[in-house]
Amino acid sequence: MKLKPLGDRVIIEPSDSEASTSPGGIIIPDTAKEKPQQGAVVAAGPGRTTDDGKVLDMAVKAGQEVIYSKYAGTEYAESGTDYLIVRESDILAIVG
């Protein structure tokens, strides 16, 4: 990946765990699916800088699975893969 997040930004690759068929056999189009709220951290910035110049380390690292806010971040696509760039504060939990 050519992107390197700045500050307290994190790049997440959303998971595609959403089923494309309902339990009753109805095919659900991509436009009707809810946005995923879970994904893998691909890259993390150095951390948030405080008002007095100290850099606070990030709580997440590349490779971790996280749950993030539903409408958080900016979508970005590179080489056919969709990514989401969010602030560390938009990450709600680390899975596992």
PDB file of N, CA and C in Angstrom:
ATOM      1  N   MET A   1       0.837  -1.173   0.000  1.00  0.00           N
ATOM      2  CA  MET A   1       0.000   0.000   0.000  1.00  0.00           C
ATOM      3  C   MET A   1       0.885   1.240   0.000  1.00  0.00           C
ATOM      4  N   LYS A   2       0.499   2.202  -0.801  1.00  0.00           N
ATOM      5  CA  LYS A   2       1.285   3.426  -0.942  1.00  0.00           C
ATOM      6  C   LYS A   2       0.873   4.508   0.044  1.00  0.00           C
ATOM      7  N   LEU A   3      -0.249   4.317   0.730  1.00  0.00           N
ATOM      8  CA  LEU A   3      -0.735   5.322   1.669  1.00  0.00           C
ATOM      9  C   LEU A   3      -0.066   5.177   3.028  1.00  0.00           C
ATOM     10  N   LYS A   4       0.251   6.305   3.651  1.00  0.00           N
ATOM     11  CA  LYS A   4       0.756   6.323   5.017  1.00  0.00           C
ATOM     12  C   LYS A   4      -0.090   7.334   5.779  1.00  0.00           C
ATOM     13  N   PRO A   5      -0.903   6.875   6.733  1.00  0.00           N
ATOM     14  CA  PRO A   5      -1.777   7.798   7.451  1.00  0.00           C
ATOM     15  C   PRO A   5      -0.995   8.758   8.338  1.00  0.00           C
ATOM     16  N   LEU A   6      -1.527   9.959   8.493  1.00  0.00           N
ATOM     17  CA  LEU A   6      -0.906  10.991   9.314  1.00  0.00           C
ATOM     18  C   LEU A   6      -1.643  11.124  10.641  1.00  0.00           C
ATOM     19  N   GLY A   7      -0.943  11.586  11.662  1.00  0.00           N
ATOM     20  CA  GLY A   7      -1.555  11.854  12.957  1.00  0.00           C
ATOM     21  C   GLY A   7      -2.240  10.641  13.541  1.00  0.00           C
ATOM     22  N   ASP A   8      -3.489  10.822  13.952  1.00  0.00           N
ATOM     23  CA  ASP A   8      -4.229   9.727  14.576  1.00  0.00           C
ATOM     24  C   ASP A   8      -5.180   9.033  13.590  1.00  0.00           C
ATOM     25  N   ARG A   9      -4.808   9.028  12.327  1.00  0.00           N
ATOM     26  CA  ARG A   9      -5.629   8.378  11.297  1.00  0.00           C
ATOM     27  C   ARG A   9      -5.268   6.894  11.187  1.00  0.00           C
ATOM     28  N   VAL A  10      -6.259   6.090  10.809  1.00  0.00           N
ATOM     29  CA  VAL A  10      -6.098   4.647  10.654  1.00  0.00           C
ATOM     30  C   VAL A  10      -6.736   4.250   9.331  1.00  0.00           C
ATOM     31  N   ILE A  11      -6.076   3.384   8.567  1.00  0.00           N
ATOM     32  CA  ILE A  11      -6.639   2.870   7.322  1.00  0.00           C
ATOM     33  C   ILE A  11      -7.174   1.472   7.602  1.00  0.00           C
ATOM     34  N   ILE A  12      -8.454   1.274   7.284  1.00  0.00           N
ATOM     35  CA  ILE A  12      -9.146   0.015   7.554  1.00  0.00           C
ATOM     36  C   ILE A  12      -9.646  -0.573   6.244  1.00  0.00           C
ATOM     37  N   GLU A  13      -9.497  -1.887   6.105  1.00  0.00           N
ATOM     38  CA  GLU A  13     -10.109  -2.594   4.986  1.00  0.00           C
ATOM     39  C   GLU A  13     -11.372  -3.257   5.522  1.00  0.00           C
ATOM     40  N   PRO A  14     -12.559  -2.720   5.163  1.00  0.00           N
ATOM     41  CA  PRO A  14     -13.808  -3.281   5.683  1.00  0.00           C
ATOM     42  C   PRO A  14     -13.973  -4.743   5.297  1.00  0.00           C
ATOM     43  N   SER A  15     -14.549  -5.521   6.221  1.00  0.00           N
ATOM     44  CA  SER A  15     -14.765  -6.941   5.942  1.00  0.00           C
ATOM     45  C   SER A  15     -15.976  -7.105   5.034  1.00  0.00           C
ATOM     46  N   ASP A  16     -15.982  -8.178   4.269  1.00  0.00           N
ATOM     47  CA  ASP A  16     -17.094  -8.478   3.366  1.00  0.00           C
ATOM     48  C   ASP A  16     -17.899  -9.644   3.905  1.00  0.00           C
ATOM     49  N   SER A  17     -18.168  -9.635   5.203  1.00  0.00           N
ATOM     50  CA  SER A  17     -18.852 -10.768   5.823  1.00  0.00           C
ATOM     51  C   SER A  17     -20.366 -10.715   5.648  1.00  0.00           C
ATOM     52  N   GLU A  18     -20.873  -9.710   4.976  1.00  0.00           N
ATOM     53  CA  GLU A  18     -22.307  -9.590   4.762  1.00  0.00           C
ATOM     54  C   GLU A  18     -22.779 -10.657   3.770  1.00  0.00           C
ATOM     55  N   ALA A  19     -23.840 -11.327   4.114  1.00  0.00           N
ATOM     56  CA  ALA A  19     -24.394 -12.345   3.226  1.00  0.00           C
ATOM     57  C   ALA A  19     -25.124 -11.662   2.068  1.00  0.00           C
ATOM     58  N   SER A  20     -25.000 -12.216   0.869  1.00  0.00           N
ATOM     59  CA  SER A  20     -25.668 -11.626  -0.282  1.00  0.00           C
ATOM     60  C   SER A  20     -27.025 -12.268  -0.543  1.00  0.00           C
ATOM     61  N   THR A  21     -27.388 -13.265   0.274  1.00  0.00           N
ATOM     62  CA  THR A  21     -28.685 -13.918   0.151  1.00  0.00           C
ATOM     63  C   THR A  21     -29.336 -13.965   1.531  1.00  0.00           C
ATOM     64  N   SER A  22     -30.610 -13.611   1.600  1.00  0.00           N
ATOM     65  CA  SER A  22     -31.327 -13.638   2.874  1.00  0.00           C
ATOM     66  C   SER A  22     -31.620 -15.085   3.254  1.00  0.00           C
ATOM     67  N   PRO A  23     -31.999 -15.338   4.516  1.00  0.00           N
ATOM     68  CA  PRO A  23     -32.339 -16.706   4.927  1.00  0.00           C
ATOM     69  C   PRO A  23     -33.480 -17.305   4.105  1.00  0.00           C
ATOM     70  N   GLY A  24     -34.349 -16.465   3.548  1.00  0.00           N
ATOM     71  CA  GLY A  24     -35.457 -16.947   2.729  1.00  0.00           C
ATOM     72  C   GLY A  24     -35.090 -17.169   1.274  1.00  0.00           C
ATOM     73  N   GLY A  25     -33.829 -16.895   0.895  1.00  0.00           N
ATOM     74  CA  GLY A  25     -33.370 -17.125  -0.465  1.00  0.00           C
ATOM     75  C   GLY A  25     -33.434 -15.913  -1.372  1.00  0.00           C
ATOM     76  N   ILE A  26     -33.777 -14.763  -0.829  1.00  0.00           N
ATOM     77  CA  ILE A  26     -33.851 -13.540  -1.634  1.00  0.00           C
ATOM     78  C   ILE A  26     -32.443 -12.952  -1.773  1.00  0.00           C
ATOM     79  N   ILE A  27     -32.053 -12.625  -2.995  1.00  0.00           N
ATOM     80  CA  ILE A  27     -30.739 -12.042  -3.247  1.00  0.00           C
ATOM     81  C   ILE A  27     -30.792 -10.557  -2.901  1.00  0.00           C
ATOM     82  N   ILE A  28     -29.847 -10.136  -2.072  1.00  0.00           N
ATOM     83  CA  ILE A  28     -29.798  -8.743  -1.619  1.00  0.00           C
ATOM     84  C   ILE A  28     -28.762  -7.998  -2.452  1.00  0.00           C
ATOM     85  N   PRO A  29     -29.165  -6.932  -3.179  1.00  0.00           N
ATOM     86  CA  PRO A  29     -28.196  -6.169  -3.973  1.00  0.00           C
ATOM     87  C   PRO A  29     -27.264  -5.354  -3.070  1.00  0.00           C
ATOM     88  N   ASP A  30     -26.089  -5.010  -3.591  1.00  0.00           N
ATOM     89  CA  ASP A  30     -25.101  -4.251  -2.822  1.00  0.00           C
ATOM     90  C   ASP A  30     -25.656  -2.922  -2.321  1.00  0.00           C
ATOM     91  N   THR A  31     -26.538  -2.291  -3.099  1.00  0.00           N
ATOM     92  CA  THR A  31     -27.076  -0.986  -2.708  1.00  0.00           C
ATOM     93  C   THR A  31     -28.003  -1.089  -1.497  1.00  0.00           C
ATOM     94  N   ALA A  32     -28.565  -2.268  -1.219  1.00  0.00           N
ATOM     95  CA  ALA A  32     -29.479  -2.439  -0.098  1.00  0.00           C
ATOM     96  C   ALA A  32     -28.772  -2.922   1.168  1.00  0.00           C
ATOM     97  N   LYS A  33     -27.531  -3.329   1.050  1.00  0.00           N
ATOM     98  CA  LYS A  33     -26.794  -3.827   2.217  1.00  0.00           C
ATOM     99  C   LYS A  33     -26.355  -2.664   3.098  1.00  0.00           C
ATOM    100  N   GLU A  34     -26.283  -2.940   4.384  1.00  0.00           N
ATOM    101  CA  GLU A  34     -25.755  -1.942   5.302  1.00  0.00           C
ATOM    102  C   GLU A  34     -24.240  -1.920   5.190  1.00  0.00           C
ATOM    103  N   LYS A  35     -23.654  -0.760   5.474  1.00  0.00           N
ATOM    104  CA  LYS A  35     -22.203  -0.648   5.445  1.00  0.00           C
ATOM    105  C   LYS A  35     -21.615  -1.507   6.555  1.00  0.00           C
ATOM    106  N   PRO A  36     -20.512  -2.206   6.287  1.00  0.00           N
ATOM    107  CA  PRO A  36     -19.898  -3.006   7.353  1.00  0.00           C
ATOM    108  C   PRO A  36     -19.333  -2.094   8.431  1.00  0.00           C
ATOM    109  N   GLN A  37     -19.308  -2.585   9.658  1.00  0.00           N
ATOM    110  CA  GLN A  37     -18.769  -1.819  10.769  1.00  0.00           C
ATOM    111  C   GLN A  37     -17.545  -2.511  11.361  1.00  0.00           C
ATOM    112  N   GLN A  38     -17.055  -3.526  10.675  1.00  0.00           N
ATOM    113  CA  GLN A  38     -15.899  -4.259  11.161  1.00  0.00           C
ATOM    114  C   GLN A  38     -14.904  -4.397  10.025  1.00  0.00           C
ATOM    115  N   GLY A  39     -13.619  -4.374  10.364  1.00  0.00           N
ATOM    116  CA  GLY A  39     -12.599  -4.516   9.336  1.00  0.00           C
ATOM    117  C   GLY A  39     -11.227  -4.697   9.946  1.00  0.00           C
ATOM    118  N   ALA A  40     -10.247  -4.870   9.070  1.00  0.00           N
ATOM    119  CA  ALA A  40      -8.863  -5.080   9.492  1.00  0.00           C
ATOM    120  C   ALA A  40      -8.069  -3.793   9.323  1.00  0.00           C
ATOM    121  N   VAL A  41      -7.258  -3.477  10.320  1.00  0.00           N
ATOM    122  CA  VAL A  41      -6.389  -2.305  10.251  1.00  0.00           C
ATOM    123  C   VAL A  41      -5.252  -2.617   9.294  1.00  0.00           C
ATOM    124  N   VAL A  42      -5.089  -1.796   8.258  1.00  0.00           N
ATOM    125  CA  VAL A  42      -4.030  -1.975   7.268  1.00  0.00           C
ATOM    126  C   VAL A  42      -2.811  -1.146   7.649  1.00  0.00           C
ATOM    127  N   ALA A  43      -3.047   0.072   8.142  1.00  0.00           N
ATOM    128  CA  ALA A  43      -1.950   0.963   8.540  1.00  0.00           C
ATOM    129  C   ALA A  43      -2.470   1.943   9.578  1.00  0.00           C
ATOM    130  N   ALA A  44      -1.566   2.390  10.450  1.00  0.00           N
ATOM    131  CA  ALA A  44      -1.923   3.367  11.471  1.00  0.00           C
ATOM    132  C   ALA A  44      -0.871   4.462  11.511  1.00  0.00           C
ATOM    133  N   GLY A  45      -1.304   5.678  11.755  1.00  0.00           N
ATOM    134  CA  GLY A  45      -0.389   6.809  11.841  1.00  0.00           C
ATOM    135  C   GLY A  45       0.424   6.764  13.129  1.00  0.00           C
ATOM    136  N   PRO A  46       1.294   7.758  13.331  1.00  0.00           N
ATOM    137  CA  PRO A  46       2.162   7.763  14.506  1.00  0.00           C
ATOM    138  C   PRO A  46       1.418   8.045  15.805  1.00  0.00           C
ATOM    139  N   GLY A  47       0.284   8.715  15.761  1.00  0.00           N
ATOM    140  CA  GLY A  47      -0.480   9.016  16.962  1.00  0.00           C
ATOM    141  C   GLY A  47      -0.896  10.469  17.009  1.00  0.00           C
ATOM    142  N   ARG A  48      -1.727  10.787  17.994  1.00  0.00           N
ATOM    143  CA  ARG A  48      -2.255  12.142  18.155  1.00  0.00           C
ATOM    144  C   ARG A  48      -1.232  13.009  18.868  1.00  0.00           C
ATOM    145  N   THR A  49      -1.076  14.230  18.389  1.00  0.00           N
ATOM    146  CA  THR A  49      -0.174  15.187  19.010  1.00  0.00           C
ATOM    147  C   THR A  49      -0.976  16.073  19.955  1.00  0.00           C
ATOM    148  N   THR A  50      -0.546  16.173  21.217  1.00  0.00           N
ATOM    149  CA  THR A  50      -1.240  16.995  22.201  1.00  0.00           C
ATOM    150  C   THR A  50      -0.867  18.463  22.006  1.00  0.00           C
ATOM    151  N   ASP A  51      -1.532  19.335  22.748  1.00  0.00           N
ATOM    152  CA  ASP A  51      -1.283  20.774  22.644  1.00  0.00           C
ATOM    153  C   ASP A  51       0.141  21.152  23.059  1.00  0.00           C
ATOM    154  N   ASP A  52       0.757  20.352  23.942  1.00  0.00           N
ATOM    155  CA  ASP A  52       2.124  20.664  24.370  1.00  0.00           C
ATOM    156  C   ASP A  52       3.187  19.951  23.540  1.00  0.00           C
ATOM    157  N   GLY A  53       2.780  19.313  22.423  1.00  0.00           N
ATOM    158  CA  GLY A  53       3.736  18.740  21.487  1.00  0.00           C
ATOM    159  C   GLY A  53       4.068  17.275  21.682  1.00  0.00           C
ATOM    160  N   LYS A  54       3.500  16.622  22.681  1.00  0.00           N
ATOM    161  CA  LYS A  54       3.764  15.195  22.899  1.00  0.00           C
ATOM    162  C   LYS A  54       2.921  14.363  21.937  1.00  0.00           C
ATOM    163  N   VAL A  55       3.488  13.261  21.464  1.00  0.00           N
ATOM    164  CA  VAL A  55       2.765  12.355  20.576  1.00  0.00           C
ATOM    165  C   VAL A  55       2.276  11.167  21.395  1.00  0.00           C
ATOM    166  N   LEU A  56       0.952  10.968  21.424  1.00  0.00           N
ATOM    167  CA  LEU A  56       0.367   9.835  22.132  1.00  0.00           C
ATOM    168  C   LEU A  56       0.310   8.641  21.176  1.00  0.00           C
ATOM    169  N   ASP A  57       0.845   7.509  21.615  1.00  0.00           N
ATOM    170  CA  ASP A  57       0.875   6.314  20.769  1.00  0.00           C
ATOM    171  C   ASP A  57      -0.533   5.839  20.431  1.00  0.00           C
ATOM    172  N   MET A  58      -0.646   5.163  19.292  1.00  0.00           N
ATOM    173  CA  MET A  58      -1.923   4.621  18.843  1.00  0.00           C
ATOM    174  C   MET A  58      -2.265   3.365  19.648  1.00  0.00           C
ATOM    175  N   ALA A  59      -3.561   3.153  19.881  1.00  0.00           N
ATOM    176  CA  ALA A  59      -4.020   1.968  20.605  1.00  0.00           C
ATOM    177  C   ALA A  59      -4.178   0.777  19.671  1.00  0.00           C
ATOM    178  N   VAL A  60      -4.212   1.021  18.360  1.00  0.00           N
ATOM    179  CA  VAL A  60      -4.378  -0.071  17.391  1.00  0.00           C
ATOM    180  C   VAL A  60      -3.133  -0.199  16.532  1.00  0.00           C
ATOM    181  N   LYS A  61      -2.936  -1.418  16.010  1.00  0.00           N
ATOM    182  CA  LYS A  61      -1.795  -1.690  15.133  1.00  0.00           C
ATOM    183  C   LYS A  61      -2.289  -2.401  13.876  1.00  0.00           C
ATOM    184  N   ALA A  62      -1.462  -2.389  12.854  1.00  0.00           N
ATOM    185  CA  ALA A  62      -1.795  -3.081  11.602  1.00  0.00           C
ATOM    186  C   ALA A  62      -2.029  -4.562  11.895  1.00  0.00           C
ATOM    187  N   GLY A  63      -3.051  -5.116  11.258  1.00  0.00           N
ATOM    188  CA  GLY A  63      -3.370  -6.528  11.403  1.00  0.00           C
ATOM    189  C   GLY A  63      -4.494  -6.814  12.386  1.00  0.00           C
ATOM    190  N   GLN A  64      -4.860  -5.849  13.224  1.00  0.00           N
ATOM    191  CA  GLN A  64      -5.923  -6.068  14.197  1.00  0.00           C
ATOM    192  C   GLN A  64      -7.293  -5.893  13.553  1.00  0.00           C
ATOM    193  N   GLU A  65      -8.267  -6.669  14.037  1.00  0.00           N
ATOM    194  CA  GLU A  65      -9.663  -6.510  13.618  1.00  0.00           C
ATOM    195  C   GLU A  65     -10.314  -5.504  14.555  1.00  0.00           C
ATOM    196  N   VAL A  66     -11.036  -4.550  14.002  1.00  0.00           N
ATOM    197  CA  VAL A  66     -11.674  -3.514  14.811  1.00  0.00           C
ATOM    198  C   VAL A  66     -13.132  -3.315  14.405  1.00  0.00           C
ATOM    199  N   ILE A  67     -13.895  -2.723  15.317  1.00  0.00           N
ATOM    200  CA  ILE A  67     -15.264  -2.291  15.042  1.00  0.00           C
ATOM    201  C   ILE A  67     -15.240  -0.770  15.094  1.00  0.00           C
ATOM    202  N   TYR A  68     -15.823  -0.132  14.081  1.00  0.00           N
ATOM    203  CA  TYR A  68     -15.782   1.325  13.989  1.00  0.00           C
ATOM    204  C   TYR A  68     -17.178   1.895  13.829  1.00  0.00           C
ATOM    205  N   SER A  69     -17.310   3.193  14.027  1.00  0.00           N
ATOM    206  CA  SER A  69     -18.600   3.876  13.923  1.00  0.00           C
ATOM    207  C   SER A  69     -19.202   3.693  12.540  1.00  0.00           C
ATOM    208  N   LYS A  70     -20.509   3.625  12.479  1.00  0.00           N
ATOM    209  CA  LYS A  70     -21.209   3.309  11.242  1.00  0.00           C
ATOM    210  C   LYS A  70     -20.962   4.312  10.116  1.00  0.00           C
ATOM    211  N   TYR A  71     -20.952   5.591  10.404  1.00  0.00           N
ATOM    212  CA  TYR A  71     -20.811   6.597   9.356  1.00  0.00           C
ATOM    213  C   TYR A  71     -19.472   7.317   9.424  1.00  0.00           C
ATOM    214  N   ALA A  72     -18.479   6.665   9.974  1.00  0.00           N
ATOM    215  CA  ALA A  72     -17.164   7.296  10.174  1.00  0.00           C
ATOM    216  C   ALA A  72     -16.302   7.210   8.924  1.00  0.00           C
ATOM    217  N   GLY A  73     -15.399   8.156   8.805  1.00  0.00           N
ATOM    218  CA  GLY A  73     -14.316   8.064   7.842  1.00  0.00           C
ATOM    219  C   GLY A  73     -14.588   8.492   6.425  1.00  0.00           C
ATOM    220  N   THR A  74     -13.532   8.357   5.642  1.00  0.00           N
ATOM    221  CA  THR A  74     -13.536   8.693   4.225  1.00  0.00           C
ATOM    222  C   THR A  74     -13.205   7.445   3.431  1.00  0.00           C
ATOM    223  N   GLU A  75     -14.017   7.149   2.433  1.00  0.00           N
ATOM    224  CA  GLU A  75     -13.781   5.965   1.605  1.00  0.00           C
ATOM    225  C   GLU A  75     -12.717   6.266   0.574  1.00  0.00           C
ATOM    226  N   TYR A  76     -11.896   5.250   0.283  1.00  0.00           N
ATOM    227  CA  TYR A  76     -10.808   5.378  -0.679  1.00  0.00           C
ATOM    228  C   TYR A  76     -10.614   4.027  -1.342  1.00  0.00           C
ATOM    229  N   ALA A  77     -10.355   4.021  -2.646  1.00  0.00           N
ATOM    230  CA  ALA A  77     -10.117   2.774  -3.377  1.00  0.00           C
ATOM    231  C   ALA A  77      -8.750   2.825  -4.033  1.00  0.00           C
ATOM    232  N   GLU A  78      -8.012   1.720  -3.938  1.00  0.00           N
ATOM    233  CA  GLU A  78      -6.696   1.610  -4.563  1.00  0.00           C
ATOM    234  C   GLU A  78      -6.531   0.184  -5.073  1.00  0.00           C
ATOM    235  N   SER A  79      -6.172   0.036  -6.322  1.00  0.00           N
ATOM    236  CA  SER A  79      -5.960  -1.273  -6.952  1.00  0.00           C
ATOM    237  C   SER A  79      -7.169  -2.191  -6.793  1.00  0.00           C
ATOM    238  N   GLY A  80      -8.354  -1.629  -6.899  1.00  0.00           N
ATOM    239  CA  GLY A  80      -9.570  -2.428  -6.832  1.00  0.00           C
ATOM    240  C   GLY A  80     -10.000  -2.813  -5.426  1.00  0.00           C
ATOM    241  N   THR A  81      -9.309  -2.359  -4.407  1.00  0.00           N
ATOM    242  CA  THR A  81      -9.662  -2.657  -3.026  1.00  0.00           C
ATOM    243  C   THR A  81     -10.170  -1.392  -2.353  1.00  0.00           C
ATOM    244  N   ASP A  82     -11.282  -1.517  -1.626  1.00  0.00           N
ATOM    245  CA  ASP A  82     -11.857  -0.376  -0.920  1.00  0.00           C
ATOM    246  C   ASP A  82     -11.257  -0.274   0.476  1.00  0.00           C
ATOM    247  N   TYR A  83     -10.946   0.945   0.885  1.00  0.00           N
ATOM    248  CA  TYR A  83     -10.408   1.216   2.214  1.00  0.00           C
ATOM    249  C   TYR A  83     -11.222   2.325   2.852  1.00  0.00           C
ATOM    250  N   LEU A  84     -11.078   2.453   4.153  1.00  0.00           N
ATOM    251  CA  LEU A  84     -11.733   3.497   4.906  1.00  0.00           C
ATOM    252  C   LEU A  84     -10.674   4.165   5.774  1.00  0.00           C
ATOM    253  N   ILE A  85     -10.589   5.488   5.721  1.00  0.00           N
ATOM    254  CA  ILE A  85      -9.634   6.234   6.539  1.00  0.00           C
ATOM    255  C   ILE A  85     -10.425   6.901   7.656  1.00  0.00           C
ATOM    256  N   VAL A  86     -10.125   6.515   8.900  1.00  0.00           N
ATOM    257  CA  VAL A  86     -10.861   7.032  10.061  1.00  0.00           C
ATOM    258  C   VAL A  86      -9.893   7.581  11.103  1.00  0.00           C
ATOM    259  N   ARG A  87     -10.426   8.388  12.007  1.00  0.00           N
ATOM    260  CA  ARG A  87      -9.649   8.834  13.163  1.00  0.00           C
ATOM    261  C   ARG A  87      -9.660   7.710  14.200  1.00  0.00           C
ATOM    262  N   GLU A  88      -8.641   7.687  15.030  1.00  0.00           N
ATOM    263  CA  GLU A  88      -8.572   6.660  16.065  1.00  0.00           C
ATOM    264  C   GLU A  88      -9.810   6.723  16.972  1.00  0.00           C
ATOM    265  N   SER A  89     -10.337   7.907  17.215  1.00  0.00           N
ATOM    266  CA  SER A  89     -11.497   8.062  18.091  1.00  0.00           C
ATOM    267  C   SER A  89     -12.777   7.441  17.496  1.00  0.00           C
ATOM    268  N   ASP A  90     -12.795   7.186  16.169  1.00  0.00           N
ATOM    269  CA  ASP A  90     -13.950   6.556  15.534  1.00  0.00           C
ATOM    270  C   ASP A  90     -13.944   5.036  15.697  1.00  0.00           C
ATOM    271  N   ILE A  91     -12.832   4.489  16.190  1.00  0.00           N
ATOM    272  CA  ILE A  91     -12.740   3.050  16.426  1.00  0.00           C
ATOM    273  C   ILE A  91     -13.328   2.766  17.801  1.00  0.00           C
ATOM    274  N   LEU A  92     -14.318   1.871  17.841  1.00  0.00           N
ATOM    275  CA  LEU A  92     -15.044   1.596  19.072  1.00  0.00           C
ATOM    276  C   LEU A  92     -14.442   0.450  19.869  1.00  0.00           C
ATOM    277  N   ALA A  93     -13.881  -0.570  19.186  1.00  0.00           N
ATOM    278  CA  ALA A  93     -13.371  -1.742  19.902  1.00  0.00           C
ATOM    279  C   ALA A  93     -12.395  -2.515  19.024  1.00  0.00           C
ATOM    280  N   ILE A  94     -11.526  -3.258  19.686  1.00  0.00           N
ATOM    281  CA  ILE A  94     -10.632  -4.196  19.010  1.00  0.00           C
ATOM    282  C   ILE A  94     -11.228  -5.581  19.206  1.00  0.00           C
ATOM    283  N   VAL A  95     -11.380  -6.350  18.137  1.00  0.00           N
ATOM    284  CA  VAL A  95     -11.986  -7.676  18.205  1.00  0.00           C
ATOM    285  C   VAL A  95     -10.920  -8.707  18.527  1.00  0.00           C
ATOM    286  N   GLY A  96     -11.221  -9.570  19.482  1.00  0.00           N
ATOM    287  CA  GLY A  96     -10.351 -10.696  19.810  1.00  0.00           C
ATOM    288  C   GLY A  96      -9.203 -10.331  20.624  1.00  0.00           C
TER     289      GLY A  96
END
